[in-house]
């Protein structure tokens, strides 16, 4: 085999930049979703944990 040739797919710098931007966007969206769920839980108060069995 040719040891000088990289294995697998090699991304260009543009593709690496876009992948990073997409990852950051996904992380921010998940963070906003977590904060939204947390805020809704706070607004509903402790009654959200009291449920009939």
PDB file of N, CA and C in Angstrom:
ATOM      1  N   UNK A   1       0.835  -1.195   0.000  1.00  0.00           N
ATOM      2  CA  UNK A   1       0.000   0.000   0.000  1.00  0.00           C
ATOM      3  C   UNK A   1       0.871   1.247   0.000  1.00  0.00           C
ATOM      4  N   UNK A   2       0.288   2.344  -0.429  1.00  0.00           N
ATOM      5  CA  UNK A   2       0.976   3.628  -0.463  1.00  0.00           C
ATOM      6  C   UNK A   2       0.803   4.326   0.882  1.00  0.00           C
ATOM      7  N   UNK A   3       1.895   4.461   1.648  1.00  0.00           N
ATOM      8  CA  UNK A   3       1.816   5.045   2.990  1.00  0.00           C
ATOM      9  C   UNK A   3       1.667   6.551   2.975  1.00  0.00           C
ATOM     10  N   UNK A   4       1.878   7.199   1.840  1.00  0.00           N
ATOM     11  CA  UNK A   4       1.778   8.655   1.762  1.00  0.00           C
ATOM     12  C   UNK A   4       0.347   9.127   1.562  1.00  0.00           C
ATOM     13  N   UNK A   5      -0.535   8.225   1.140  1.00  0.00           N
ATOM     14  CA  UNK A   5      -1.925   8.595   0.866  1.00  0.00           C
ATOM     15  C   UNK A   5      -2.754   8.489   2.143  1.00  0.00           C
ATOM     16  N   UNK A   6      -3.500   9.551   2.501  1.00  0.00           N
ATOM     17  CA  UNK A   6      -4.324   9.480   3.723  1.00  0.00           C
ATOM     18  C   UNK A   6      -5.475   8.501   3.559  1.00  0.00           C
ATOM     19  N   UNK A   7      -5.868   7.886   4.657  1.00  0.00           N
ATOM     20  CA  UNK A   7      -6.980   6.936   4.639  1.00  0.00           C
ATOM     21  C   UNK A   7      -8.307   7.662   4.774  1.00  0.00           C
ATOM     22  N   UNK A   8      -9.331   7.138   4.124  1.00  0.00           N
ATOM     23  CA  UNK A   8     -10.667   7.696   4.261  1.00  0.00           C
ATOM     24  C   UNK A   8     -10.867   8.992   3.496  1.00  0.00           C
ATOM     25  N   UNK A   9     -11.875   9.729   3.912  1.00  0.00           N
ATOM     26  CA  UNK A   9     -12.245  10.975   3.255  1.00  0.00           C
ATOM     27  C   UNK A   9     -11.492  12.121   3.906  1.00  0.00           C
ATOM     28  N   UNK A  10     -10.902  12.959   3.084  1.00  0.00           N
ATOM     29  CA  UNK A  10     -10.194  14.132   3.584  1.00  0.00           C
ATOM     30  C   UNK A  10     -11.028  15.362   3.253  1.00  0.00           C
ATOM     31  N   UNK A  11     -11.422  16.105   4.292  1.00  0.00           N
ATOM     32  CA  UNK A  11     -12.256  17.285   4.099  1.00  0.00           C
ATOM     33  C   UNK A  11     -11.402  18.496   3.760  1.00  0.00           C
ATOM     34  N   UNK A  12     -11.975  19.372   2.945  1.00  0.00           N
ATOM     35  CA  UNK A  12     -11.299  20.630   2.651  1.00  0.00           C
ATOM     36  C   UNK A  12     -11.492  21.566   3.850  1.00  0.00           C
ATOM     37  N   UNK A  13     -10.749  22.642   3.874  1.00  0.00           N
ATOM     38  CA  UNK A  13     -10.879  23.613   4.966  1.00  0.00           C
ATOM     39  C   UNK A  13     -12.287  24.205   5.001  1.00  0.00           C
ATOM     40  N   UNK A  14     -12.889  24.438   3.842  1.00  0.00           N
ATOM     41  CA  UNK A  14     -14.270  24.960   3.769  1.00  0.00           C
ATOM     42  C   UNK A  14     -15.252  23.973   4.393  1.00  0.00           C
ATOM     43  N   UNK A  15     -15.087  22.690   4.093  1.00  0.00           N
ATOM     44  CA  UNK A  15     -15.975  21.671   4.653  1.00  0.00           C
ATOM     45  C   UNK A  15     -15.798  21.561   6.166  1.00  0.00           C
ATOM     46  N   UNK A  16     -14.562  21.660   6.638  1.00  0.00           N
ATOM     47  CA  UNK A  16     -14.318  21.629   8.082  1.00  0.00           C
ATOM     48  C   UNK A  16     -14.965  22.829   8.764  1.00  0.00           C
ATOM     49  N   UNK A  17     -14.870  24.012   8.147  1.00  0.00           N
ATOM     50  CA  UNK A  17     -15.467  25.221   8.717  1.00  0.00           C
ATOM     51  C   UNK A  17     -16.988  25.084   8.783  1.00  0.00           C
ATOM     52  N   UNK A  18     -17.582  24.590   7.700  1.00  0.00           N
ATOM     53  CA  UNK A  18     -19.048  24.422   7.689  1.00  0.00           C
ATOM     54  C   UNK A  18     -19.506  23.379   8.703  1.00  0.00           C
ATOM     55  N   UNK A  19     -18.731  22.307   8.848  1.00  0.00           N
ATOM     56  CA  UNK A  19     -19.077  21.283   9.833  1.00  0.00           C
ATOM     57  C   UNK A  19     -19.056  21.881  11.235  1.00  0.00           C
ATOM     58  N   UNK A  20     -18.040  22.686  11.528  1.00  0.00           N
ATOM     59  CA  UNK A  20     -17.939  23.325  12.843  1.00  0.00           C
ATOM     60  C   UNK A  20     -19.106  24.277  13.078  1.00  0.00           C
ATOM     61  N   UNK A  21     -19.444  25.081  12.071  1.00  0.00           N
ATOM     62  CA  UNK A  21     -20.577  26.011  12.209  1.00  0.00           C
ATOM     63  C   UNK A  21     -21.876  25.252  12.439  1.00  0.00           C
ATOM     64  N   UNK A  22     -22.056  24.136  11.731  1.00  0.00           N
ATOM     65  CA  UNK A  22     -23.275  23.332  11.890  1.00  0.00           C
ATOM     66  C   UNK A  22     -23.320  22.720  13.294  1.00  0.00           C
ATOM     67  N   UNK A  23     -22.188  22.257  13.782  1.00  0.00           N
ATOM     68  CA  UNK A  23     -22.135  21.686  15.127  1.00  0.00           C
ATOM     69  C   UNK A  23     -22.460  22.732  16.185  1.00  0.00           C
ATOM     70  N   UNK A  24     -21.951  23.931  16.007  1.00  0.00           N
ATOM     71  CA  UNK A  24     -22.240  25.020  16.948  1.00  0.00           C
ATOM     72  C   UNK A  24     -23.723  25.368  16.911  1.00  0.00           C
ATOM     73  N   UNK A  25     -24.313  25.399  15.722  1.00  0.00           N
ATOM     74  CA  UNK A  25     -25.742  25.712  15.596  1.00  0.00           C
ATOM     75  C   UNK A  25     -26.591  24.647  16.280  1.00  0.00           C
ATOM     76  N   UNK A  26     -26.232  23.390  16.121  1.00  0.00           N
ATOM     77  CA  UNK A  26     -26.978  22.305  16.770  1.00  0.00           C
ATOM     78  C   UNK A  26     -26.845  22.410  18.283  1.00  0.00           C
ATOM     79  N   UNK A  27     -25.633  22.692  18.766  1.00  0.00           N
ATOM     80  CA  UNK A  27     -25.417  22.826  20.208  1.00  0.00           C
ATOM     81  C   UNK A  27     -26.230  23.981  20.776  1.00  0.00           C
ATOM     82  N   UNK A  28     -26.268  25.097  20.067  1.00  0.00           N
ATOM     83  CA  UNK A  28     -27.061  26.238  20.537  1.00  0.00           C
ATOM     84  C   UNK A  28     -28.548  25.909  20.558  1.00  0.00           C
ATOM     85  N   UNK A  29     -29.024  25.226  19.527  1.00  0.00           N
ATOM     86  CA  UNK A  29     -30.441  24.851  19.478  1.00  0.00           C
ATOM     87  C   UNK A  29     -30.789  23.923  20.637  1.00  0.00           C
ATOM     88  N   UNK A  30     -29.923  22.965  20.936  1.00  0.00           N
ATOM     89  CA  UNK A  30     -30.174  22.067  22.069  1.00  0.00           C
ATOM     90  C   UNK A  30     -30.146  22.830  23.391  1.00  0.00           C
ATOM     91  N   UNK A  31     -29.222  23.779  23.509  1.00  0.00           N
ATOM     92  CA  UNK A  31     -29.155  24.593  24.720  1.00  0.00           C
ATOM     93  C   UNK A  31     -30.414  25.406  24.929  1.00  0.00           C
ATOM     94  N   UNK A  32     -30.920  25.993  23.852  1.00  0.00           N
ATOM     95  CA  UNK A  32     -32.167  26.768  23.937  1.00  0.00           C
ATOM     96  C   UNK A  32     -33.328  25.859  24.330  1.00  0.00           C
ATOM     97  N   UNK A  33     -33.364  24.654  23.787  1.00  0.00           N
ATOM     98  CA  UNK A  33     -34.433  23.714  24.121  1.00  0.00           C
ATOM     99  C   UNK A  33     -34.384  23.338  25.605  1.00  0.00           C
ATOM    100  N   UNK A  34     -33.181  23.094  26.120  1.00  0.00           N
ATOM    101  CA  UNK A  34     -33.027  22.768  27.545  1.00  0.00           C
ATOM    102  C   UNK A  34     -33.502  23.942  28.404  1.00  0.00           C
ATOM    103  N   UNK A  35     -33.091  25.158  28.044  1.00  0.00           N
ATOM    104  CA  UNK A  35     -33.521  26.335  28.803  1.00  0.00           C
ATOM    105  C   UNK A  35     -35.037  26.519  28.735  1.00  0.00           C
ATOM    106  N   UNK A  36     -35.633  26.240  27.584  1.00  0.00           N
ATOM    107  CA  UNK A  36     -37.079  26.353  27.443  1.00  0.00           C
ATOM    108  C   UNK A  36     -37.788  25.372  28.371  1.00  0.00           C
ATOM    109  N   UNK A  37     -37.336  24.113  28.376  1.00  0.00           N
ATOM    110  CA  UNK A  37     -37.944  23.116  29.263  1.00  0.00           C
ATOM    111  C   UNK A  37     -37.773  23.517  30.730  1.00  0.00           C
ATOM    112  N   UNK A  38     -36.597  24.020  31.074  1.00  0.00           N
ATOM    113  CA  UNK A  38     -36.335  24.455  32.446  1.00  0.00           C
ATOM    114  C   UNK A  38     -37.258  25.605  32.828  1.00  0.00           C
ATOM    115  N   UNK A  39     -37.417  26.581  31.929  1.00  0.00           N
ATOM    116  CA  UNK A  39     -38.274  27.735  32.212  1.00  0.00           C
ATOM    117  C   UNK A  39     -39.725  27.305  32.375  1.00  0.00           C
ATOM    118  N   UNK A  40     -40.187  26.414  31.529  1.00  0.00           N
ATOM    119  CA  UNK A  40     -41.578  25.942  31.630  1.00  0.00           C
ATOM    120  C   UNK A  40     -41.779  25.216  32.955  1.00  0.00           C
ATOM    121  N   UNK A  41     -40.789  24.436  33.373  1.00  0.00           N
ATOM    122  CA  UNK A  41     -40.891  23.733  34.654  1.00  0.00           C
ATOM    123  C   UNK A  41     -40.958  24.721  35.810  1.00  0.00           C
ATOM    124  N   UNK A  42     -40.160  25.780  35.757  1.00  0.00           N
ATOM    125  CA  UNK A  42     -40.208  26.791  36.812  1.00  0.00           C
ATOM    126  C   UNK A  42     -41.550  27.517  36.840  1.00  0.00           C
ATOM    127  N   UNK A  43     -42.086  27.818  35.674  1.00  0.00           N
ATOM    128  CA  UNK A  43     -43.365  28.541  35.602  1.00  0.00           C
ATOM    129  C   UNK A  43     -44.494  27.676  36.138  1.00  0.00           C
ATOM    130  N   UNK A  44     -44.466  26.393  35.826  1.00  0.00           N
ATOM    131  CA  UNK A  44     -45.525  25.506  36.311  1.00  0.00           C
ATOM    132  C   UNK A  44     -45.419  25.284  37.818  1.00  0.00           C
ATOM    133  N   UNK A  45     -44.248  25.462  38.366  1.00  0.00           N
ATOM    134  CA  UNK A  45     -44.062  25.337  39.812  1.00  0.00           C
ATOM    135  C   UNK A  45     -43.930  23.909  40.268  1.00  0.00           C
ATOM    136  N   UNK A  46     -43.916  23.728  41.585  1.00  0.00           N
ATOM    137  CA  UNK A  46     -43.723  22.377  42.124  1.00  0.00           C
ATOM    138  C   UNK A  46     -44.905  21.448  41.844  1.00  0.00           C
ATOM    139  N   UNK A  47     -46.022  22.011  41.441  1.00  0.00           N
ATOM    140  CA  UNK A  47     -47.198  21.172  41.126  1.00  0.00           C
ATOM    141  C   UNK A  47     -46.958  20.238  39.979  1.00  0.00           C
ATOM    142  N   UNK A  48     -45.954  20.486  39.193  1.00  0.00           N
ATOM    143  CA  UNK A  48     -45.684  19.626  38.057  1.00  0.00           C
ATOM    144  C   UNK A  48     -45.244  18.220  38.524  1.00  0.00           C
ATOM    145  N   UNK A  49     -44.741  18.131  39.768  1.00  0.00           N
ATOM    146  CA  UNK A  49     -44.297  16.842  40.288  1.00  0.00           C
ATOM    147  C   UNK A  49     -45.416  16.092  41.010  1.00  0.00           C
ATOM    148  N   UNK A  50     -46.531  16.765  41.300  1.00  0.00           N
ATOM    149  CA  UNK A  50     -47.643  16.136  42.011  1.00  0.00           C
ATOM    150  C   UNK A  50     -48.638  15.632  40.976  1.00  0.00           C
ATOM    151  N   UNK A  51     -48.658  14.319  40.824  1.00  0.00           N
ATOM    152  CA  UNK A  51     -49.561  13.715  39.823  1.00  0.00           C
ATOM    153  C   UNK A  51     -50.321  12.555  40.465  1.00  0.00           C
ATOM    154  N   UNK A  52     -51.548  12.354  40.061  1.00  0.00           N
ATOM    155  CA  UNK A  52     -52.278  11.184  40.593  1.00  0.00           C
ATOM    156  C   UNK A  52     -51.686   9.888  40.022  1.00  0.00           C
ATOM    157  N   UNK A  53     -51.705   8.873  40.849  1.00  0.00           N
ATOM    158  CA  UNK A  53     -51.126   7.588  40.424  1.00  0.00           C
ATOM    159  C   UNK A  53     -52.181   6.718  39.780  1.00  0.00           C
TER     160      UNK A  53
END
